[in-house]
Amino acid sequence: MDIDGIDFPALGRAFGGRGERVADLAELPAALKRALDVNGPTVIEVTVDGSGSSAT
């Protein structure tokens, strides 16, 4: 879904959790580890290019 103008990580922080943005799939495992290492919710926004091509 293409939704512009919403800062999802900031929304996570606004509700008392953590939030971060991941622009490269290689960063996702580290972001997930950080999310699991803290108490409380974490919002992880994963940006994609929208071309429909699959990651390898």
PDB file of N, CA and C in Angstrom:
ATOM      1  N   MET A   1       0.845  -1.152   0.000  1.00  0.00           N
ATOM      2  CA  MET A   1       0.000   0.000   0.000  1.00  0.00           C
ATOM      3  C   MET A   1       0.903   1.231   0.000  1.00  0.00           C
ATOM      4  N   ASP A   2       0.584   2.190  -0.815  1.00  0.00           N
ATOM      5  CA  ASP A   2       1.364   3.415  -0.913  1.00  0.00           C
ATOM      6  C   ASP A   2       0.671   4.513  -0.115  1.00  0.00           C
ATOM      7  N   ILE A   3       1.218   4.806   1.051  1.00  0.00           N
ATOM      8  CA  ILE A   3       0.662   5.851   1.911  1.00  0.00           C
ATOM      9  C   ILE A   3       1.764   6.866   2.158  1.00  0.00           C
ATOM     10  N   ASP A   4       1.577   8.065   1.642  1.00  0.00           N
ATOM     11  CA  ASP A   4       2.575   9.113   1.822  1.00  0.00           C
ATOM     12  C   ASP A   4       2.204  10.015   2.985  1.00  0.00           C
ATOM     13  N   GLY A   5       3.226  10.585   3.593  1.00  0.00           N
ATOM     14  CA  GLY A   5       3.018  11.616   4.592  1.00  0.00           C
ATOM     15  C   GLY A   5       2.782  11.130   6.008  1.00  0.00           C
ATOM     16  N   ILE A   6       2.862   9.832   6.263  1.00  0.00           N
ATOM     17  CA  ILE A   6       2.677   9.325   7.618  1.00  0.00           C
ATOM     18  C   ILE A   6       4.017   8.799   8.113  1.00  0.00           C
ATOM     19  N   ASP A   7       4.444   9.323   9.241  1.00  0.00           N
ATOM     20  CA  ASP A   7       5.699   8.874   9.855  1.00  0.00           C
ATOM     21  C   ASP A   7       5.351   7.781  10.864  1.00  0.00           C
ATOM     22  N   PHE A   8       5.314   6.535  10.406  1.00  0.00           N
ATOM     23  CA  PHE A   8       4.912   5.428  11.255  1.00  0.00           C
ATOM     24  C   PHE A   8       5.828   5.232  12.463  1.00  0.00           C
ATOM     25  N   PRO A   9       7.162   5.335  12.313  1.00  0.00           N
ATOM     26  CA  PRO A   9       8.009   5.232  13.505  1.00  0.00           C
ATOM     27  C   PRO A   9       7.677   6.299  14.554  1.00  0.00           C
ATOM     28  N   ALA A  10       7.371   7.510  14.117  1.00  0.00           N
ATOM     29  CA  ALA A  10       7.005   8.571  15.057  1.00  0.00           C
ATOM     30  C   ALA A  10       5.689   8.241  15.758  1.00  0.00           C
ATOM     31  N   LEU A  11       4.757   7.618  15.052  1.00  0.00           N
ATOM     32  CA  LEU A  11       3.507   7.196  15.683  1.00  0.00           C
ATOM     33  C   LEU A  11       3.770   6.168  16.778  1.00  0.00           C
ATOM     34  N   GLY A  12       4.676   5.244  16.505  1.00  0.00           N
ATOM     35  CA  GLY A  12       5.040   4.253  17.525  1.00  0.00           C
ATOM     36  C   GLY A  12       5.597   4.923  18.766  1.00  0.00           C
ATOM     37  N   ARG A  13       6.485   5.904  18.563  1.00  0.00           N
ATOM     38  CA  ARG A  13       7.059   6.630  19.699  1.00  0.00           C
ATOM     39  C   ARG A  13       5.997   7.458  20.418  1.00  0.00           C
ATOM     40  N   ALA A  14       5.074   8.046  19.676  1.00  0.00           N
ATOM     41  CA  ALA A  14       4.017   8.867  20.275  1.00  0.00           C
ATOM     42  C   ALA A  14       3.126   8.059  21.208  1.00  0.00           C
ATOM     43  N   PHE A  15       3.010   6.760  20.949  1.00  0.00           N
ATOM     44  CA  PHE A  15       2.183   5.901  21.788  1.00  0.00           C
ATOM     45  C   PHE A  15       3.002   5.176  22.846  1.00  0.00           C
ATOM     46  N   GLY A  16       4.235   5.647  23.083  1.00  0.00           N
ATOM     47  CA  GLY A  16       5.050   5.108  24.166  1.00  0.00           C
ATOM     48  C   GLY A  16       5.943   3.945  23.801  1.00  0.00           C
ATOM     49  N   GLY A  17       6.026   3.606  22.537  1.00  0.00           N
ATOM     50  CA  GLY A  17       6.889   2.509  22.104  1.00  0.00           C
ATOM     51  C   GLY A  17       8.129   3.027  21.401  1.00  0.00           C
ATOM     52  N   ARG A  18       8.694   2.182  20.591  1.00  0.00           N
ATOM     53  CA  ARG A  18       9.837   2.544  19.763  1.00  0.00           C
ATOM     54  C   ARG A  18       9.379   2.582  18.321  1.00  0.00           C
ATOM     55  N   GLY A  19      10.164   3.222  17.492  1.00  0.00           N
ATOM     56  CA  GLY A  19       9.879   3.235  16.078  1.00  0.00           C
ATOM     57  C   GLY A  19      11.138   3.425  15.281  1.00  0.00           C
ATOM     58  N   GLU A  20      11.252   2.711  14.191  1.00  0.00           N
ATOM     59  CA  GLU A  20      12.389   2.909  13.297  1.00  0.00           C
ATOM     60  C   GLU A  20      12.009   2.547  11.881  1.00  0.00           C
ATOM     61  N   ARG A  21      12.775   3.086  10.958  1.00  0.00           N
ATOM     62  CA  ARG A  21      12.536   2.876   9.530  1.00  0.00           C
ATOM     63  C   ARG A  21      13.699   2.057   8.971  1.00  0.00           C
ATOM     64  N   VAL A  22      13.370   1.066   8.152  1.00  0.00           N
ATOM     65  CA  VAL A  22      14.366   0.211   7.503  1.00  0.00           C
ATOM     66  C   VAL A  22      14.213   0.400   5.996  1.00  0.00           C
ATOM     67  N   ALA A  23      15.286   0.833   5.347  1.00  0.00           N
ATOM     68  CA  ALA A  23      15.236   1.088   3.908  1.00  0.00           C
ATOM     69  C   ALA A  23      15.884  -0.025   3.095  1.00  0.00           C
ATOM     70  N   ASP A  24      16.548  -0.952   3.764  1.00  0.00           N
ATOM     71  CA  ASP A  24      17.255  -2.039   3.086  1.00  0.00           C
ATOM     72  C   ASP A  24      16.936  -3.328   3.827  1.00  0.00           C
ATOM     73  N   LEU A  25      16.530  -4.362   3.103  1.00  0.00           N
ATOM     74  CA  LEU A  25      16.184  -5.628   3.750  1.00  0.00           C
ATOM     75  C   LEU A  25      17.337  -6.207   4.564  1.00  0.00           C
ATOM     76  N   ALA A  26      18.554  -5.865   4.216  1.00  0.00           N
ATOM     77  CA  ALA A  26      19.704  -6.352   4.979  1.00  0.00           C
ATOM     78  C   ALA A  26      19.705  -5.787   6.402  1.00  0.00           C
ATOM     79  N   GLU A  27      19.026  -4.661   6.621  1.00  0.00           N
ATOM     80  CA  GLU A  27      18.950  -4.036   7.950  1.00  0.00           C
ATOM     81  C   GLU A  27      17.845  -4.643   8.810  1.00  0.00           C
ATOM     82  N   LEU A  28      16.926  -5.376   8.203  1.00  0.00           N
ATOM     83  CA  LEU A  28      15.765  -5.877   8.925  1.00  0.00           C
ATOM     84  C   LEU A  28      16.107  -6.816  10.080  1.00  0.00           C
ATOM     85  N   PRO A  29      17.005  -7.789   9.922  1.00  0.00           N
ATOM     86  CA  PRO A  29      17.302  -8.664  11.069  1.00  0.00           C
ATOM     87  C   PRO A  29      17.797  -7.894  12.299  1.00  0.00           C
ATOM     88  N   ALA A  30      18.632  -6.901  12.098  1.00  0.00           N
ATOM     89  CA  ALA A  30      19.128  -6.109  13.234  1.00  0.00           C
ATOM     90  C   ALA A  30      17.997  -5.303  13.859  1.00  0.00           C
ATOM     91  N   ALA A  31      17.098  -4.763  13.032  1.00  0.00           N
ATOM     92  CA  ALA A  31      15.960  -4.005  13.556  1.00  0.00           C
ATOM     93  C   ALA A  31      15.047  -4.910  14.364  1.00  0.00           C
ATOM     94  N   LEU A  32      14.817  -6.119  13.896  1.00  0.00           N
ATOM     95  CA  LEU A  32      13.993  -7.066  14.638  1.00  0.00           C
ATOM     96  C   LEU A  32      14.631  -7.443  15.965  1.00  0.00           C
ATOM     97  N   LYS A  33      15.940  -7.631  15.961  1.00  0.00           N
ATOM     98  CA  LYS A  33      16.656  -7.945  17.211  1.00  0.00           C
ATOM     99  C   LYS A  33      16.511  -6.803  18.204  1.00  0.00           C
ATOM    100  N   ARG A  34      16.682  -5.561  17.741  1.00  0.00           N
ATOM    101  CA  ARG A  34      16.519  -4.413  18.639  1.00  0.00           C
ATOM    102  C   ARG A  34      15.096  -4.365  19.190  1.00  0.00           C
ATOM    103  N   ALA A  35      14.122  -4.671  18.362  1.00  0.00           N
ATOM    104  CA  ALA A  35      12.725  -4.648  18.796  1.00  0.00           C
ATOM    105  C   ALA A  35      12.462  -5.698  19.875  1.00  0.00           C
ATOM    106  N   LEU A  36      13.070  -6.854  19.726  1.00  0.00           N
ATOM    107  CA  LEU A  36      12.853  -7.930  20.689  1.00  0.00           C
ATOM    108  C   LEU A  36      13.654  -7.741  21.975  1.00  0.00           C
ATOM    109  N   ASP A  37      14.668  -6.880  21.936  1.00  0.00           N
ATOM    110  CA  ASP A  37      15.519  -6.648  23.100  1.00  0.00           C
ATOM    111  C   ASP A  37      14.944  -5.627  24.075  1.00  0.00           C
ATOM    112  N   VAL A  38      13.834  -4.985  23.732  1.00  0.00           N
ATOM    113  CA  VAL A  38      13.239  -3.985  24.626  1.00  0.00           C
ATOM    114  C   VAL A  38      11.846  -4.436  25.051  1.00  0.00           C
ATOM    115  N   ASN A  39      11.438  -3.959  26.213  1.00  0.00           N
ATOM    116  CA  ASN A  39      10.059  -4.213  26.656  1.00  0.00           C
ATOM    117  C   ASN A  39       9.151  -3.220  25.959  1.00  0.00           C
ATOM    118  N   GLY A  40       8.005  -3.673  25.537  1.00  0.00           N
ATOM    119  CA  GLY A  40       7.036  -2.798  24.913  1.00  0.00           C
ATOM    120  C   GLY A  40       7.019  -2.943  23.406  1.00  0.00           C
ATOM    121  N   PRO A  41       6.101  -2.219  22.787  1.00  0.00           N
ATOM    122  CA  PRO A  41       5.905  -2.347  21.339  1.00  0.00           C
ATOM    123  C   PRO A  41       6.946  -1.583  20.532  1.00  0.00           C
ATOM    124  N   THR A  42       7.172  -2.058  19.324  1.00  0.00           N
ATOM    125  CA  THR A  42       8.039  -1.388  18.357  1.00  0.00           C
ATOM    126  C   THR A  42       7.347  -1.398  17.006  1.00  0.00           C
ATOM    127  N   VAL A  43       7.374  -0.264  16.335  1.00  0.00           N
ATOM    128  CA  VAL A  43       6.891  -0.163  14.958  1.00  0.00           C
ATOM    129  C   VAL A  43       8.108  -0.127  14.061  1.00  0.00           C
ATOM    130  N   ILE A  44       8.181  -1.053  13.118  1.00  0.00           N
ATOM    131  CA  ILE A  44       9.265  -1.061  12.135  1.00  0.00           C
ATOM    132  C   ILE A  44       8.641  -0.812  10.776  1.00  0.00           C
ATOM    133  N   GLU A  45       8.988   0.305  10.174  1.00  0.00           N
ATOM    134  CA  GLU A  45       8.506   0.625   8.829  1.00  0.00           C
ATOM    135  C   GLU A  45       9.556   0.132   7.836  1.00  0.00           C
ATOM    136  N   VAL A  46       9.142  -0.730   6.923  1.00  0.00           N
ATOM    137  CA  VAL A  46      10.033  -1.257   5.891  1.00  0.00           C
ATOM    138  C   VAL A  46       9.640  -0.593   4.582  1.00  0.00           C
ATOM    139  N   THR A  47      10.534   0.214   4.054  1.00  0.00           N
ATOM    140  CA  THR A  47      10.245   0.890   2.790  1.00  0.00           C
ATOM    141  C   THR A  47      10.661  -0.011   1.632  1.00  0.00           C
ATOM    142  N   VAL A  48       9.847  -0.009   0.593  1.00  0.00           N
ATOM    143  CA  VAL A  48      10.125  -0.789  -0.608  1.00  0.00           C
ATOM    144  C   VAL A  48      10.030   0.131  -1.799  1.00  0.00           C
ATOM    145  N   ASP A  49      10.606  -0.287  -2.925  1.00  0.00           N
ATOM    146  CA  ASP A  49      10.635   0.586  -4.091  1.00  0.00           C
ATOM    147  C   ASP A  49       9.334   0.592  -4.890  1.00  0.00           C
ATOM    148  N   GLY A  50       8.459  -0.374  -4.654  1.00  0.00           N
ATOM    149  CA  GLY A  50       7.167  -0.397  -5.332  1.00  0.00           C
ATOM    150  C   GLY A  50       7.189  -0.866  -6.774  1.00  0.00           C
ATOM    151  N   SER A  51       8.316  -1.368  -7.242  1.00  0.00           N
ATOM    152  CA  SER A  51       8.413  -1.800  -8.627  1.00  0.00           C
ATOM    153  C   SER A  51       7.769  -3.156  -8.862  1.00  0.00           C
ATOM    154  N   GLY A  52       7.485  -3.865  -7.769  1.00  0.00           N
ATOM    155  CA  GLY A  52       6.898  -5.201  -7.913  1.00  0.00           C
ATOM    156  C   GLY A  52       7.944  -6.286  -8.056  1.00  0.00           C
ATOM    157  N   SER A  53       9.219  -5.912  -8.122  1.00  0.00           N
ATOM    158  CA  SER A  53      10.271  -6.928  -8.215  1.00  0.00           C
ATOM    159  C   SER A  53      10.504  -7.538  -6.844  1.00  0.00           C
ATOM    160  N   SER A  54      10.850  -8.807  -6.812  1.00  0.00           N
ATOM    161  CA  SER A  54      11.073  -9.469  -5.541  1.00  0.00           C
ATOM    162  C   SER A  54      12.526  -9.329  -5.136  1.00  0.00           C
ATOM    163  N   ALA A  55      12.751  -9.295  -3.832  1.00  0.00           N
ATOM    164  CA  ALA A  55      14.114  -9.216  -3.304  1.00  0.00           C
ATOM    165  C   ALA A  55      14.736 -10.600  -3.373  1.00  0.00           C
ATOM    166  N   THR A  56      16.027 -10.644  -3.591  1.00  0.00           N
ATOM    167  CA  THR A  56      16.729 -11.917  -3.622  1.00  0.00           C
ATOM    168  C   THR A  56      17.670 -12.018  -2.471  1.00  0.00           C
TER     169      THR A  56
END
